[in-house]
Amino acid sequence: MKIIFVGTGSGQTSLNQFHSSLLLSSKNYQLLIDAGDGISRALLFNKIDINHIDGIIISHLHPDHVSGLPSLLVQMKMTVREKPLDIFIHHSLVNIIKDLLLHSYILPERMKFEVHYKPFKDDEQIYILKNISFLSRQNSHLSKLQKYKSNHPSLSLYCASILFDVEYKKIIYTSDIGSKEDLFLFKEFSSDIFLCEATHLEPLFLFEEIKKLETRKIYLTHYSDKNLEKLSEILATMSSRQKLKLEFAVDGLIIKI
């Protein structure tokens, strides 16, 4: 079992990084976590066969996490994929994704493979395989948009942080967050690996908070070219012990679990 960082960039497009995406890769199942703009090229660059992907989980609907999904399915169609594809998505977002694909002219009648939607709810344990499961909890990343809800009542403001249970190892993926409390959504669990976004909290504040996490290893991802410099400067001031626990993820990095 391994985690492959397909992209580690933020929402700001970069020539040095692809948008944030991960592949949870096991012998029997390949799970892509988020599929933002440019995901098809990112997978190709990382020498990942798109037709080996068995499922995709979408954390939320910001373009750097979902806008590459239609083009990825088109690539699967063009390469004559036949095996089904699972899409794991919060139940409030299923119809939005179905409409997005439909209005991208990805018509079920024209596909040689089926798309199986797997809706989930908060704190619902979803088993992908016997030894791979996850549960999600809503974080506050999109809460700042609540004031627009009255103008757009159909708008879903769901953004998932996700706890994966993989072969008795616990992996937390923050997705995008909105506050320090989001770092501790799964505080009752001690994780083995903590995948932490590094854009939406002020760098010095972020480092002070992640020192409190009960985890074996932290990987920082979803950072821009601009804030990488600030983050690196702060990391340089940390103790040797703290530096061993913390690492910047880069595109193509592979972690064996």
Protein backbone atom coordinates (compact mmCIF):
# COMPACT_ATOMS: atom_id res chain seq x y z
CA MET A 1 0.00 0.00 0.00
CA LYS A 2 1.28 3.46 -0.85
CA ILE A 3 0.25 7.10 -1.19
CA ILE A 4 1.34 8.95 -4.32
CA PHE A 5 1.20 12.75 -4.35
CA VAL A 6 -0.10 13.40 -7.85
CA GLY A 7 -0.10 17.14 -7.18
CA THR A 8 0.76 19.35 -4.22
CA GLY A 9 -0.17 22.82 -5.47
CA SER A 10 -2.79 25.20 -4.15
CA GLY A 11 -5.71 26.70 -6.05
CA GLN A 12 -3.30 29.07 -7.79
CA THR A 13 -2.06 27.50 -11.01
CA SER A 14 1.69 26.89 -11.04
CA LEU A 15 4.30 25.81 -13.56
CA ASN A 16 6.05 23.89 -10.77
CA GLN A 17 3.18 21.87 -9.27
CA PHE A 18 -0.07 20.28 -10.28
CA HIS A 19 -3.18 21.03 -8.25
CA SER A 20 -3.58 19.02 -5.04
CA SER A 21 -4.42 15.36 -5.63
CA LEU A 22 -3.45 12.01 -4.11
CA LEU A 23 -3.57 8.39 -5.17
CA LEU A 24 -4.13 5.77 -2.50
CA SER A 25 -2.72 2.72 -4.22
CA SER A 26 -3.15 -0.88 -3.12
CA LYS A 27 -2.84 -4.21 -4.88
CA ASN A 28 -6.60 -4.47 -5.32
CA TYR A 29 -7.85 -0.88 -5.52
CA GLN A 30 -6.61 2.49 -6.78
CA LEU A 31 -8.38 5.45 -5.15
CA LEU A 32 -7.84 8.96 -6.52
CA ILE A 33 -8.46 11.69 -3.96
CA ASP A 34 -9.60 14.90 -5.67
CA ALA A 35 -9.46 15.62 -9.38
CA GLY A 36 -8.85 19.28 -10.06
CA ASP A 37 -7.90 21.19 -13.17
CA GLY A 38 -5.23 19.34 -15.17
CA ILE A 39 -5.64 15.99 -13.38
CA SER A 40 -5.40 13.96 -16.59
CA ARG A 41 -2.03 15.49 -17.46
CA ALA A 42 -0.86 15.17 -13.84
CA LEU A 43 -1.60 11.44 -13.86
CA LEU A 44 0.16 11.04 -17.21
CA PHE A 45 3.18 12.98 -15.91
CA ASN A 46 3.34 10.68 -12.87
CA LYS A 47 3.12 7.60 -15.12
CA ILE A 48 -0.19 6.53 -13.58
CA ASP A 49 -2.50 4.66 -15.95
CA ILE A 50 -5.89 6.36 -15.69
CA ASN A 51 -7.64 3.10 -16.39
CA HIS A 52 -6.05 1.52 -13.33
CA ILE A 53 -8.05 3.96 -11.18
CA ASP A 54 -10.98 2.16 -9.56
CA GLY A 55 -12.52 5.04 -7.65
CA ILE A 56 -12.42 8.79 -7.13
CA ILE A 57 -13.34 10.65 -3.95
CA ILE A 58 -14.15 14.36 -4.19
CA SER A 59 -13.72 16.45 -1.04
CA HIS A 60 -15.52 19.57 -2.30
CA LEU A 61 -16.39 21.48 -5.44
CA HIS A 62 -13.69 24.13 -5.71
CA PRO A 63 -12.26 23.87 -9.26
CA ASP A 64 -8.78 22.82 -8.09
CA HIS A 65 -10.42 19.75 -6.54
CA VAL A 66 -13.10 18.77 -9.06
CA SER A 67 -12.95 20.59 -12.40
CA GLY A 68 -10.68 17.96 -13.96
CA LEU A 69 -13.24 15.22 -13.39
CA PRO A 70 -15.14 15.59 -16.70
CA SER A 71 -11.96 15.62 -18.78
CA LEU A 72 -10.65 12.59 -16.89
CA LEU A 73 -13.79 10.61 -17.73
CA VAL A 74 -13.47 11.72 -21.35
CA GLN A 75 -9.90 10.37 -21.39
CA MET A 76 -11.19 7.09 -19.95
CA LYS A 77 -13.80 6.95 -22.71
CA MET A 78 -11.23 7.71 -25.41
CA THR A 79 -9.01 4.87 -24.16
CA VAL A 80 -11.98 2.48 -24.33
CA ARG A 81 -12.23 1.82 -20.61
CA GLU A 82 -14.64 -0.97 -19.75
CA LYS A 83 -14.42 -1.54 -15.99
CA PRO A 84 -16.78 0.48 -13.76
CA LEU A 85 -15.66 3.62 -11.94
CA ASP A 86 -16.73 4.46 -8.39
CA ILE A 87 -17.28 8.11 -7.48
CA PHE A 88 -17.43 8.76 -3.73
CA ILE A 89 -19.14 12.06 -2.99
CA HIS A 90 -21.11 13.63 -0.15
CA HIS A 91 -24.81 12.95 -0.64
CA SER A 92 -25.57 16.69 -1.01
CA LEU A 93 -23.25 16.89 -4.05
CA VAL A 94 -24.25 13.79 -6.02
CA ASN A 95 -26.81 15.47 -8.29
CA ILE A 96 -24.46 18.40 -8.92
CA ILE A 97 -21.74 16.04 -10.14
CA LYS A 98 -24.22 14.08 -12.25
CA ASP A 99 -25.36 17.33 -13.89
CA LEU A 100 -21.77 18.49 -14.39
CA LEU A 101 -20.93 15.31 -16.27
CA LEU A 102 -24.18 15.29 -18.21
CA HIS A 103 -23.71 18.90 -19.34
CA SER A 104 -20.14 18.05 -20.29
CA TYR A 105 -21.77 15.63 -22.76
CA ILE A 106 -20.56 12.59 -20.88
CA LEU A 107 -23.67 10.57 -21.62
CA PRO A 108 -24.06 7.10 -20.05
CA GLU A 109 -25.37 5.76 -23.34
CA ARG A 110 -22.09 6.65 -25.05
CA MET A 111 -19.80 5.18 -22.41
CA LYS A 112 -18.49 1.62 -22.39
CA PHE A 113 -18.09 1.74 -18.62
CA GLU A 114 -20.52 2.44 -15.81
CA VAL A 115 -20.13 5.17 -13.22
CA HIS A 116 -21.25 4.03 -9.76
CA TYR A 117 -22.03 6.88 -7.39
CA LYS A 118 -21.23 6.11 -3.76
CA PRO A 119 -22.77 8.85 -1.59
CA PHE A 120 -21.59 9.26 1.99
CA LYS A 121 -22.65 11.19 5.08
CA ASP A 122 -20.65 12.56 7.97
CA ASP A 123 -19.34 9.91 10.38
CA GLU A 124 -20.55 7.10 8.14
CA GLN A 125 -17.88 4.41 7.80
CA ILE A 126 -17.59 3.59 4.10
CA TYR A 127 -15.83 0.34 3.24
CA ILE A 128 -14.08 0.28 -0.11
CA LEU A 129 -12.44 -3.07 0.60
CA LYS A 130 -12.28 -5.11 3.78
CA ASN A 131 -9.01 -3.39 4.73
CA ILE A 132 -9.73 0.08 3.30
CA SER A 133 -12.42 2.37 4.68
CA PHE A 134 -13.00 6.04 5.39
CA LEU A 135 -15.23 8.44 7.22
CA SER A 136 -15.68 12.14 6.59
CA ARG A 137 -16.52 15.18 8.65
CA GLN A 138 -17.47 18.61 7.37
CA ASN A 139 -14.88 21.29 7.97
CA SER A 140 -15.30 25.06 7.94
CA HIS A 141 -13.55 25.81 4.65
CA LEU A 142 -16.73 26.99 2.91
CA SER A 143 -18.48 28.51 5.91
CA LYS A 144 -17.55 32.03 4.78
CA LEU A 145 -19.98 31.56 1.87
CA GLN A 146 -22.93 31.00 4.19
CA LYS A 147 -23.98 34.64 3.80
CA TYR A 148 -24.74 33.98 0.12
CA LYS A 149 -26.96 31.00 0.85
CA SER A 150 -30.18 33.05 0.83
CA ASN A 151 -29.41 34.22 -2.72
CA HIS A 152 -28.47 30.70 -3.84
CA PRO A 153 -30.55 28.26 -1.76
CA SER A 154 -29.45 25.23 -3.78
CA LEU A 155 -25.79 25.88 -2.98
CA SER A 156 -24.12 23.09 -1.00
CA LEU A 157 -21.32 24.27 1.28
CA TYR A 158 -19.95 20.85 2.11
CA CYS A 159 -16.21 20.34 2.31
CA ALA A 160 -14.87 17.07 3.70
CA SER A 161 -11.92 16.28 5.87
CA ILE A 162 -11.37 12.54 5.69
CA LEU A 163 -10.02 9.83 7.99
CA PHE A 164 -8.83 6.78 6.09
CA ASP A 165 -8.35 3.44 7.80
CA VAL A 166 -5.90 1.51 5.64
CA GLU A 167 -4.56 -1.87 6.76
CA TYR A 168 -4.85 -0.80 10.42
CA LYS A 169 -3.10 2.53 9.72
CA LYS A 170 -4.96 5.81 10.16
CA ILE A 171 -4.40 8.56 7.62
CA ILE A 172 -6.02 11.98 7.96
CA TYR A 173 -6.49 14.19 4.91
CA THR A 174 -7.56 17.71 5.86
CA SER A 175 -8.56 18.78 2.35
CA ASP A 176 -8.92 22.58 2.40
CA ILE A 177 -9.65 24.02 5.84
CA GLY A 178 -10.98 27.26 7.28
CA SER A 179 -9.81 27.37 10.89
CA LYS A 180 -7.44 25.75 13.38
CA GLU A 181 -10.34 23.66 14.70
CA ASP A 182 -10.40 21.84 11.38
CA LEU A 183 -6.97 20.39 12.18
CA PHE A 184 -8.52 18.56 15.13
CA LEU A 185 -11.75 17.24 13.63
CA PHE A 186 -10.56 13.68 14.35
CA LYS A 187 -8.89 14.47 17.66
CA GLU A 188 -10.13 11.25 19.28
CA PHE A 189 -7.88 9.33 16.88
CA SER A 190 -4.10 9.17 16.90
CA SER A 191 -3.07 9.07 13.25
CA ASP A 192 -0.06 7.49 11.60
CA ILE A 193 0.03 9.99 8.74
CA PHE A 194 -1.46 13.49 8.65
CA LEU A 195 -1.83 15.10 5.22
CA CYS A 196 -2.22 18.80 5.92
CA GLU A 197 -3.07 21.60 3.54
CA ALA A 198 -0.82 24.64 4.00
CA THR A 199 -2.51 27.56 2.30
CA HIS A 200 -5.52 28.70 4.28
CA LEU A 201 -3.92 29.37 7.66
CA GLU A 202 -1.17 31.92 8.27
CA PRO A 203 2.15 29.98 8.12
CA LEU A 204 3.49 30.72 11.61
CA PHE A 205 0.09 30.01 13.16
CA LEU A 206 -0.19 26.77 11.17
CA PHE A 207 3.16 25.49 12.44
CA GLU A 208 2.28 26.30 16.04
CA GLU A 209 -0.96 24.35 15.75
CA ILE A 210 0.37 21.27 13.97
CA LYS A 211 2.93 20.84 16.75
CA LYS A 212 -0.06 19.79 18.88
CA LEU A 213 -1.20 17.00 16.55
CA GLU A 214 -0.99 13.43 17.81
CA THR A 215 0.47 11.82 14.73
CA ARG A 216 3.62 10.03 13.65
CA LYS A 217 4.27 12.00 10.46
CA ILE A 218 2.92 15.20 8.89
CA TYR A 219 3.10 15.97 5.18
CA LEU A 220 2.34 19.52 4.08
CA THR A 221 0.58 19.82 0.74
CA HIS A 222 -1.68 22.25 -1.15
CA TYR A 223 0.77 25.14 -0.98
CA SER A 224 1.62 27.81 -3.53
CA ASP A 225 4.98 28.95 -4.87
CA LYS A 226 4.46 32.14 -2.89
CA ASN A 227 3.79 30.65 0.54
CA LEU A 228 6.38 27.88 0.15
CA GLU A 229 9.14 30.43 0.84
CA LYS A 230 7.47 31.58 4.07
CA LEU A 231 6.77 28.02 5.18
CA SER A 232 10.37 26.98 4.48
CA GLU A 233 11.75 29.88 6.52
CA ILE A 234 9.68 28.85 9.53
CA LEU A 235 10.57 25.20 9.14
CA ALA A 236 14.26 26.13 9.22
CA THR A 237 13.81 27.54 12.75
CA MET A 238 12.25 24.35 14.14
CA SER A 239 14.11 21.77 16.21
CA SER A 240 15.67 18.72 14.61
CA ARG A 241 13.06 16.51 16.27
CA GLN A 242 10.22 18.60 14.88
CA LYS A 243 11.76 18.57 11.41
CA LEU A 244 11.85 14.75 11.45
CA LYS A 245 8.10 14.71 12.04
CA LEU A 246 7.30 17.23 9.31
CA GLU A 247 7.93 17.11 5.57
CA PHE A 248 6.90 19.08 2.52
CA ALA A 249 5.25 16.82 -0.02
CA VAL A 250 6.30 17.31 -3.64
CA ASP A 251 4.66 16.13 -6.82
CA GLY A 252 5.49 12.48 -7.40
CA LEU A 253 6.42 11.71 -3.78
CA ILE A 254 5.56 8.14 -2.82
CA ILE A 255 4.91 7.08 0.78
CA LYS A 256 4.86 3.39 1.57
CA ILE A 257 2.33 2.59 4.27
